[in-house]
Amino acid sequence: MLGWLSNFWQNKQILNSDLPLIEGVKNIRGKRVLLRSALNVPIVDGKVSETFRLEQALPTIKWLQSKGAKVIVIAHIGRDENETLKPVYDVLQKLVKITWGGTLTEARESLANQKNGEVILLENLRQDKREVEAEQSLAEELAAIADIYVNDAFADSHRNHTSITGVPKYLPSYFGNSFNHEYQALKQAINPVSPSVFILGGAKFETKMPLVLNYSSTYDQIFIGGALANDIYKAKGYEVGKSLVSDVDLSNSEILRNPKIVPPVDVVVDGPQGVREVGPRAVKSTEIIMDAGPTSLKDLEAMIANANSVLWNGPLGNFEKGFTLGTEMLARIIAKSNAYSVVGGGDTIAAIRSLNLENNFSFMSTAGGAMLVFLETGTLPAIEAVVNKD
């Protein structure tokens, strides 16, 4: 815990300063701008199924285009090196005038003949294994095709990858519109106005435990949902059946003793007896905990009704198995509140958008993992690569 606080305070200087933004650079007409965007969206049957990140990438692309810059958009998609950004291009070209460039090698000629205001999208960076290995040879090749580097990919900026931390070593580097909006909103979430509620769902408690412990001193109430709650039940000696649990052992953690930190008081389980709502002590060895129960949602509604600040990351239920009700109910509760609300995480955002509630939240982050890393440390590898490059 003390190590986390030490790292956080070391990054206070970054949090209290403004990022170098591309909008502040004069006369970029004719400049070759290498724009790292967050285009890693879900692809289903070869087509983009969720466009939120693409919509958030547009303002910076269009701004650079309007200023007459020669824009080269780079990004990744998925984890398989055979995956392609072609489906993303198919959507983007309907939203902005953009040209497909292919791989860096294939794009040499089109880049050489690129006109002012022209936008070219290159192929999935992860098709080159040097991207995830942070090899400088790729950074040098990318830097060689541009005059300026702009990072507008907050969602990818917790990764030490070539296009995130390598390229800034070789070019004047800045951040874009979307990145800065994320940065400013999450800075506000780090310092909430009381009464405040932090809701954390999803899985992998071992990666989120420091965040929970330290935000218990910042937020007035912390609700732990999703598979994370299963770890708390297990540590308390409750039966969790076949539910997903982490490798972490919380039996001696202050998480169990802190009255601010609470899991659902009832859950939805699935098993041989079908789907049923029970208290966490009544889960059977043959059942799986799938969602937060209705009483827990009523408790959350009471918390949020009086809150001035709400921070939410991660679903309350197992989305892959269709247990979306708890998350959707929570989205509706927050949407009707007057609190400053910041939300993030792919499933969380998808639920909000499916309900057409996005305009009822103060800020929706494109990030999941990067959001959590920033909240925990107060910075990201991408920020360090630009701000402390010298």
Protein backbone atom coordinates (compact mmCIF):
# COMPACT_ATOMS: atom_id res chain seq x y z
CA MET A 1 0.00 0.00 0.00
CA LEU A 2 2.78 2.43 0.89
CA GLY A 3 4.50 1.64 -2.40
CA TRP A 4 1.34 2.56 -4.29
CA LEU A 5 1.06 5.86 -2.41
CA SER A 6 4.71 6.65 -3.08
CA ASN A 7 4.25 6.07 -6.81
CA PHE A 8 1.05 8.11 -6.81
CA TRP A 9 2.59 11.14 -5.18
CA GLN A 10 5.61 10.95 -7.49
CA ASN A 11 3.16 11.36 -10.36
CA LYS A 12 1.32 14.33 -8.83
CA GLN A 13 3.44 16.65 -10.97
CA ILE A 14 2.03 15.04 -14.10
CA LEU A 15 -1.53 15.12 -12.77
CA ASN A 16 -1.27 18.81 -11.94
CA SER A 17 0.13 19.80 -15.33
CA ASP A 18 -1.34 20.02 -18.80
CA LEU A 19 -0.38 17.54 -21.49
CA PRO A 20 1.35 18.79 -24.65
CA LEU A 21 -1.53 18.84 -27.14
CA ILE A 22 -1.39 18.81 -30.93
CA GLU A 23 -4.06 21.53 -30.98
CA GLY A 24 -1.47 23.89 -29.53
CA VAL A 25 1.02 23.39 -32.37
CA LYS A 26 1.01 26.16 -34.96
CA ASN A 27 1.12 25.59 -38.70
CA ILE A 28 1.00 21.85 -39.22
CA ARG A 29 -0.14 22.20 -42.80
CA GLY A 30 1.87 19.85 -44.97
CA LYS A 31 3.39 18.11 -41.95
CA ARG A 32 3.35 14.33 -41.88
CA VAL A 33 1.54 13.39 -38.68
CA LEU A 34 1.75 9.83 -37.35
CA LEU A 35 -1.49 9.46 -35.39
CA ARG A 36 -1.79 6.53 -32.97
CA SER A 37 -5.53 5.92 -32.60
CA ALA A 38 -7.51 3.44 -30.47
CA LEU A 39 -9.29 1.34 -33.10
CA ASN A 40 -9.31 -2.01 -31.28
CA VAL A 41 -13.03 -2.69 -31.52
CA PRO A 42 -14.95 -5.99 -31.37
CA ILE A 43 -15.29 -7.79 -34.71
CA VAL A 44 -18.13 -10.28 -35.16
CA ASP A 45 -18.39 -12.30 -38.38
CA GLY A 46 -15.93 -9.96 -40.06
CA LYS A 47 -17.81 -6.78 -39.15
CA VAL A 48 -17.41 -4.13 -36.44
CA SER A 49 -20.05 -4.72 -33.76
CA GLU A 50 -19.37 -1.68 -31.54
CA THR A 51 -18.25 1.72 -32.87
CA PHE A 52 -17.73 3.75 -29.67
CA ARG A 53 -13.93 3.89 -29.95
CA LEU A 54 -14.12 4.77 -33.63
CA GLU A 55 -16.46 7.66 -32.89
CA GLN A 56 -14.08 8.96 -30.22
CA ALA A 57 -11.15 8.80 -32.66
CA LEU A 58 -12.84 11.04 -35.23
CA PRO A 59 -12.38 14.54 -33.71
CA THR A 60 -8.58 14.42 -33.82
CA ILE A 61 -8.52 12.83 -37.27
CA LYS A 62 -10.87 15.47 -38.65
CA TRP A 63 -9.05 18.32 -36.92
CA LEU A 64 -5.70 17.30 -38.41
CA GLN A 65 -7.37 16.87 -41.78
CA SER A 66 -8.91 20.34 -41.61
CA LYS A 67 -5.50 21.83 -40.84
CA GLY A 68 -3.99 20.33 -43.97
CA ALA A 69 -1.76 17.79 -42.26
CA LYS A 70 -0.78 14.56 -44.01
CA VAL A 71 -2.29 12.12 -41.54
CA ILE A 72 -1.02 8.55 -41.16
CA VAL A 73 -3.26 6.60 -38.78
CA ILE A 74 -1.74 3.61 -37.00
CA ALA A 75 -3.49 1.20 -34.61
CA HIS A 76 -3.92 -2.45 -33.71
CA ILE A 77 -6.80 -4.90 -33.68
CA GLY A 78 -7.12 -8.03 -31.54
CA ARG A 79 -4.23 -10.22 -30.43
CA ASP A 80 -3.77 -12.51 -33.42
CA GLU A 81 -1.16 -11.26 -35.89
CA ASN A 82 -3.43 -12.37 -38.76
CA GLU A 83 -6.24 -10.01 -37.75
CA THR A 84 -6.82 -7.03 -40.02
CA LEU A 85 -8.06 -3.46 -39.67
CA LYS A 86 -9.97 -3.77 -42.95
CA PRO A 87 -13.39 -4.07 -41.18
CA VAL A 88 -12.51 -0.93 -39.21
CA TYR A 89 -11.58 0.87 -42.42
CA ASP A 90 -14.93 -0.13 -43.93
CA VAL A 91 -16.67 1.76 -41.10
CA LEU A 92 -14.29 4.71 -40.91
CA GLN A 93 -14.52 5.53 -44.60
CA LYS A 94 -18.23 6.18 -44.09
CA LEU A 95 -17.45 8.68 -41.33
CA VAL A 96 -14.40 10.49 -42.68
CA LYS A 97 -12.52 10.69 -45.97
CA ILE A 98 -9.78 8.12 -45.51
CA THR A 99 -7.62 5.86 -47.70
CA TRP A 100 -6.46 2.30 -47.05
CA GLY A 101 -2.67 2.05 -46.99
CA GLY A 102 -2.03 -1.58 -46.08
CA THR A 103 1.20 -2.56 -44.34
CA LEU A 104 4.02 -0.10 -43.90
CA THR A 105 5.86 -1.70 -46.82
CA GLU A 106 2.78 -1.64 -49.05
CA ALA A 107 2.07 2.01 -48.18
CA ARG A 108 5.45 3.42 -49.23
CA GLU A 109 4.24 4.74 -52.59
CA SER A 110 0.94 6.17 -51.35
CA LEU A 111 2.73 7.86 -48.45
CA ALA A 112 5.28 9.39 -50.81
CA ASN A 113 2.45 10.89 -52.89
CA GLN A 114 0.22 11.85 -49.95
CA LYS A 115 -1.48 15.23 -50.30
CA ASN A 116 -2.23 17.83 -47.64
CA GLY A 117 -5.36 16.87 -45.71
CA GLU A 118 -5.23 13.27 -46.88
CA VAL A 119 -5.71 10.54 -44.25
CA ILE A 120 -4.19 7.08 -44.75
CA LEU A 121 -4.88 4.12 -42.45
CA LEU A 122 -2.14 1.51 -42.13
CA GLU A 123 -2.69 -2.17 -41.42
CA ASN A 124 -2.84 -3.77 -37.95
CA LEU A 125 0.46 -2.98 -36.23
CA ARG A 126 0.43 -6.35 -34.48
CA GLN A 127 0.96 -8.10 -37.79
CA ASP A 128 4.57 -7.14 -37.10
CA LYS A 129 5.73 -8.94 -33.94
CA ARG A 130 8.10 -6.05 -33.20
CA GLU A 131 5.11 -3.95 -32.12
CA VAL A 132 4.33 -5.91 -28.95
CA GLU A 133 8.03 -6.57 -28.30
CA ALA A 134 8.74 -2.81 -28.24
CA GLU A 135 11.62 -3.15 -30.69
CA GLN A 136 13.25 0.14 -31.60
CA SER A 137 13.85 -0.89 -35.20
CA LEU A 138 10.10 -0.64 -35.83
CA ALA A 139 9.93 2.65 -33.94
CA GLU A 140 12.62 4.05 -36.23
CA GLU A 141 10.78 2.85 -39.33
CA LEU A 142 7.52 4.43 -38.18
CA ALA A 143 9.22 7.67 -37.18
CA ALA A 144 10.92 7.86 -40.57
CA ILE A 145 7.58 8.35 -42.36
CA ALA A 146 6.47 11.31 -40.20
CA ASP A 147 7.42 14.72 -38.85
CA ILE A 148 5.19 14.66 -35.76
CA TYR A 149 3.78 11.92 -33.52
CA VAL A 150 0.35 12.21 -31.88
CA ASN A 151 -1.02 9.72 -29.35
CA ASP A 152 -4.81 9.71 -29.26
CA ALA A 153 -5.11 6.12 -28.03
CA PHE A 154 -5.70 6.37 -24.29
CA ALA A 155 -7.18 2.86 -24.24
CA ASP A 156 -3.87 1.36 -25.44
CA SER A 157 -1.53 3.62 -23.52
CA HIS A 158 -0.93 1.30 -20.56
CA ARG A 159 1.08 -0.94 -22.90
CA ASN A 160 4.82 -0.67 -23.44
CA HIS A 161 4.49 -1.25 -27.18
CA THR A 162 6.51 0.27 -29.99
CA SER A 163 3.81 2.61 -31.28
CA ILE A 164 3.05 3.79 -27.74
CA THR A 165 6.41 4.24 -26.02
CA GLY A 166 8.97 3.74 -28.78
CA VAL A 167 8.09 6.29 -31.47
CA PRO A 168 8.12 9.35 -29.12
CA LYS A 169 11.87 8.90 -28.74
CA TYR A 170 12.35 9.96 -32.36
CA LEU A 171 9.74 12.62 -33.07
CA PRO A 172 8.21 15.76 -31.55
CA SER A 173 5.30 14.20 -29.68
CA TYR A 174 1.87 15.36 -28.56
CA PHE A 175 -1.54 14.07 -27.45
CA GLY A 176 -4.86 14.33 -29.24
CA ASN A 177 -8.38 15.46 -28.40
CA SER A 178 -9.72 12.09 -27.23
CA PHE A 179 -6.67 11.32 -25.11
CA ASN A 180 -6.88 14.66 -23.34
CA HIS A 181 -10.59 14.29 -22.60
CA GLU A 182 -9.90 10.92 -20.95
CA TYR A 183 -6.99 12.37 -19.00
CA GLN A 184 -8.98 15.33 -17.67
CA ALA A 185 -12.06 13.25 -16.75
CA LEU A 186 -10.06 10.61 -14.91
CA LYS A 187 -8.07 13.27 -13.05
CA GLN A 188 -11.39 14.49 -11.70
CA ALA A 189 -12.37 10.93 -10.77
CA ILE A 190 -9.15 10.55 -8.78
CA ASN A 191 -10.27 13.45 -6.59
CA PRO A 192 -14.04 12.91 -6.18
CA VAL A 193 -16.50 15.27 -4.55
CA SER A 194 -18.12 13.62 -1.52
CA PRO A 195 -20.45 11.76 -1.13
CA SER A 196 -18.76 9.43 -3.62
CA VAL A 197 -19.32 5.87 -4.83
CA PHE A 198 -16.84 3.62 -6.64
CA ILE A 199 -18.29 0.52 -8.35
CA LEU A 200 -15.82 -2.08 -9.58
CA GLY A 201 -16.85 -5.19 -11.48
CA GLY A 202 -15.28 -7.73 -13.78
CA ALA A 203 -12.65 -10.26 -12.70
CA LYS A 204 -8.96 -10.65 -11.69
CA PHE A 205 -8.84 -9.31 -8.14
CA GLU A 206 -5.08 -9.75 -8.03
CA THR A 207 -4.68 -6.84 -10.47
CA LYS A 208 -7.35 -4.63 -8.85
CA MET A 209 -6.66 -5.15 -5.16
CA PRO A 210 -4.31 -2.11 -4.77
CA LEU A 211 -6.91 0.09 -6.42
CA VAL A 212 -9.64 -1.07 -4.04
CA LEU A 213 -7.48 -0.64 -0.95
CA ASN A 214 -6.31 2.84 -1.77
CA TYR A 215 -9.55 4.22 -3.11
CA SER A 216 -11.21 3.21 0.14
CA SER A 217 -9.53 6.31 1.58
CA THR A 218 -10.73 8.49 -1.32
CA TYR A 219 -14.26 7.25 -1.96
CA ASP A 220 -16.97 7.05 0.68
CA GLN A 221 -18.35 3.73 -0.53
CA ILE A 222 -16.93 0.97 -2.72
CA PHE A 223 -19.19 -1.68 -4.23
CA ILE A 224 -17.43 -4.82 -5.48
CA GLY A 225 -19.39 -6.75 -8.10
CA GLY A 226 -18.86 -9.26 -10.87
CA ALA A 227 -16.46 -12.16 -10.35
CA LEU A 228 -14.48 -9.94 -7.96
CA ALA A 229 -17.19 -10.42 -5.36
CA ASN A 230 -16.69 -14.20 -5.51
CA ASP A 231 -13.20 -13.74 -4.05
CA ILE A 232 -14.66 -11.89 -1.08
CA TYR A 233 -17.27 -14.60 -0.51
CA LYS A 234 -14.59 -17.29 -0.72
CA ALA A 235 -12.38 -15.45 1.77
CA LYS A 236 -15.33 -15.27 4.17
CA GLY A 237 -15.73 -19.03 3.96
CA TYR A 238 -18.90 -19.01 1.85
CA GLU A 239 -19.60 -21.66 -0.76
CA VAL A 240 -18.98 -20.25 -4.25
CA GLY A 241 -19.67 -23.46 -6.16
CA LYS A 242 -18.27 -23.42 -9.69
CA SER A 243 -18.00 -19.65 -9.82
CA LEU A 244 -15.00 -17.87 -11.31
CA VAL A 245 -12.46 -16.87 -8.66
CA SER A 246 -8.99 -15.29 -8.74
CA ASP A 247 -5.73 -16.75 -7.48
CA VAL A 248 -5.55 -14.08 -4.78
CA ASP A 249 -6.22 -14.96 -1.12
CA LEU A 250 -8.20 -12.22 0.65
CA SER A 251 -8.62 -14.05 3.95
CA ASN A 252 -6.26 -11.68 5.82
CA SER A 253 -6.99 -8.59 3.72
CA GLU A 254 -8.35 -5.39 5.17
CA ILE A 255 -10.88 -5.53 2.34
CA LEU A 256 -12.90 -7.89 4.55
CA ARG A 257 -12.69 -5.57 7.55
CA ASN A 258 -13.30 -2.22 5.86
CA PRO A 259 -17.00 -1.26 6.22
CA LYS A 260 -16.75 0.97 3.15
CA ILE A 261 -16.08 -2.02 0.89
CA VAL A 262 -19.15 -4.17 0.23
CA PRO A 263 -20.07 -7.01 -2.17
CA PRO A 264 -23.65 -7.78 -3.28
CA VAL A 265 -25.97 -8.87 -0.46
CA ASP A 266 -27.77 -11.18 -2.87
CA VAL A 267 -26.76 -12.87 -6.12
CA VAL A 268 -28.21 -14.56 -9.17
CA VAL A 269 -26.95 -18.14 -9.59
CA ASP A 270 -27.31 -20.77 -12.29
CA GLY A 271 -27.17 -24.52 -11.75
CA PRO A 272 -29.13 -27.78 -11.79
CA GLN A 273 -32.08 -26.00 -10.17
CA GLY A 274 -32.01 -23.34 -12.86
CA VAL A 275 -31.56 -19.60 -12.35
CA ARG A 276 -32.44 -18.33 -8.88
CA GLU A 277 -31.83 -15.35 -6.58
CA VAL A 278 -30.20 -16.20 -3.23
CA GLY A 279 -28.12 -14.74 -0.44
CA PRO A 280 -24.37 -15.36 -0.82
CA ARG A 281 -24.47 -17.91 2.03
CA ALA A 282 -27.05 -20.02 0.16
CA VAL A 283 -25.01 -20.75 -2.98
CA LYS A 284 -24.68 -24.49 -3.63
CA SER A 285 -21.57 -26.38 -4.71
CA THR A 286 -23.17 -27.15 -8.07
CA GLU A 287 -24.05 -23.53 -8.86
CA ILE A 288 -22.31 -20.58 -10.51
CA ILE A 289 -22.72 -16.98 -9.35
CA MET A 290 -23.74 -15.01 -12.44
CA ASP A 291 -24.96 -11.57 -11.39
CA ALA A 292 -25.82 -9.22 -8.55
CA GLY A 293 -29.33 -9.66 -7.13
CA PRO A 294 -32.25 -7.18 -6.92
CA THR A 295 -31.68 -6.23 -3.27
CA SER A 296 -28.08 -5.30 -4.08
CA LEU A 297 -29.30 -3.07 -6.90
CA LYS A 298 -31.67 -1.34 -4.49
CA ASP A 299 -28.73 -0.76 -2.14
CA LEU A 300 -26.74 0.73 -5.01
CA GLU A 301 -29.66 2.95 -5.96
CA ALA A 302 -29.73 4.37 -2.42
CA MET A 303 -25.96 4.98 -2.46
CA ILE A 304 -26.02 6.70 -5.85
CA ALA A 305 -29.11 8.82 -5.11
CA ASN A 306 -27.10 10.86 -2.60
CA ALA A 307 -23.76 10.80 -4.44
CA ASN A 308 -21.97 13.75 -6.02
CA SER A 309 -19.37 11.50 -7.69
CA VAL A 310 -19.72 8.03 -9.20
CA LEU A 311 -16.90 6.01 -10.74
CA TRP A 312 -17.78 2.70 -12.42
CA ASN A 313 -15.62 0.14 -14.21
CA GLY A 314 -16.64 -3.40 -15.14
CA PRO A 315 -19.93 -5.32 -15.39
CA LEU A 316 -21.79 -6.80 -12.44
CA GLY A 317 -22.70 -10.00 -14.29
CA ASN A 318 -21.42 -12.62 -16.71
CA PHE A 319 -22.03 -10.92 -20.06
CA GLU A 320 -20.80 -13.86 -22.13
CA LYS A 321 -23.55 -16.03 -20.63
CA GLY A 322 -26.22 -13.40 -21.10
CA PHE A 323 -26.46 -12.16 -17.51
CA THR A 324 -26.70 -8.46 -18.29
CA LEU A 325 -29.63 -7.40 -16.11
CA GLY A 326 -27.64 -6.19 -13.09
CA THR A 327 -25.32 -4.12 -15.25
CA GLU A 328 -28.21 -2.64 -17.23
CA MET A 329 -30.13 -1.79 -14.06
CA LEU A 330 -27.04 -0.08 -12.65
CA ALA A 331 -26.64 1.89 -15.86
CA ARG A 332 -30.20 3.17 -15.53
CA ILE A 333 -29.66 4.08 -11.87
CA ILE A 334 -26.54 6.13 -12.58
CA ALA A 335 -28.08 7.69 -15.69
CA LYS A 336 -30.91 9.25 -13.68
CA SER A 337 -28.65 10.55 -10.91
CA ASN A 338 -27.21 14.06 -10.67
CA ALA A 339 -23.72 12.82 -9.80
CA TYR A 340 -20.60 13.47 -11.85
CA SER A 341 -20.33 10.01 -13.40
CA VAL A 342 -17.29 8.44 -15.05
CA VAL A 343 -17.60 4.95 -16.51
CA GLY A 344 -15.29 2.61 -18.42
CA GLY A 345 -14.78 -0.95 -19.62
CA GLY A 346 -15.95 -2.56 -22.86
CA ASP A 347 -18.97 -4.46 -21.52
CA THR A 348 -19.99 -1.52 -19.35
CA ILE A 349 -19.97 0.90 -22.27
CA ALA A 350 -21.75 -1.61 -24.52
CA ALA A 351 -24.55 -1.96 -21.96
CA ILE A 352 -24.97 1.81 -21.66
CA ARG A 353 -25.05 2.30 -25.42
CA SER A 354 -27.50 -0.56 -25.93
CA LEU A 355 -29.88 1.33 -23.63
CA ASN A 356 -29.24 4.65 -25.43
CA LEU A 357 -28.13 6.22 -22.16
CA GLU A 358 -24.71 7.55 -23.19
CA ASN A 359 -25.85 11.18 -23.00
CA ASN A 360 -26.82 10.69 -19.35
CA PHE A 361 -23.25 10.11 -18.16
CA SER A 362 -20.68 12.82 -17.52
CA PHE A 363 -17.91 10.86 -19.23
CA MET A 364 -17.55 7.46 -20.86
CA SER A 365 -14.00 6.19 -21.19
CA THR A 366 -12.79 4.23 -24.21
CA ALA A 367 -10.44 2.40 -21.84
CA GLY A 368 -10.71 -0.59 -19.57
CA GLY A 369 -7.26 -1.67 -18.41
CA ALA A 370 -5.68 1.71 -19.14
CA MET A 371 -8.36 3.44 -17.07
CA LEU A 372 -7.58 1.22 -14.08
CA VAL A 373 -3.82 1.69 -14.45
CA PHE A 374 -4.22 5.46 -14.59
CA LEU A 375 -6.50 5.50 -11.57
CA GLU A 376 -3.98 3.40 -9.63
CA THR A 377 -0.74 5.14 -10.61
CA GLY A 378 -1.74 8.60 -11.81
CA THR A 379 0.09 8.09 -15.10
CA LEU A 380 0.59 5.72 -18.04
CA PRO A 381 3.64 4.47 -19.98
CA ALA A 382 2.48 6.60 -22.93
CA ILE A 383 2.41 9.76 -20.82
CA GLU A 384 5.85 9.03 -19.39
CA ALA A 385 7.21 8.39 -22.91
CA VAL A 386 6.18 11.89 -24.04
CA VAL A 387 6.41 14.04 -20.91
CA ASN A 388 9.69 12.56 -19.63
CA LYS A 389 11.29 11.68 -22.98
CA ASP A 390 14.39 13.74 -22.27
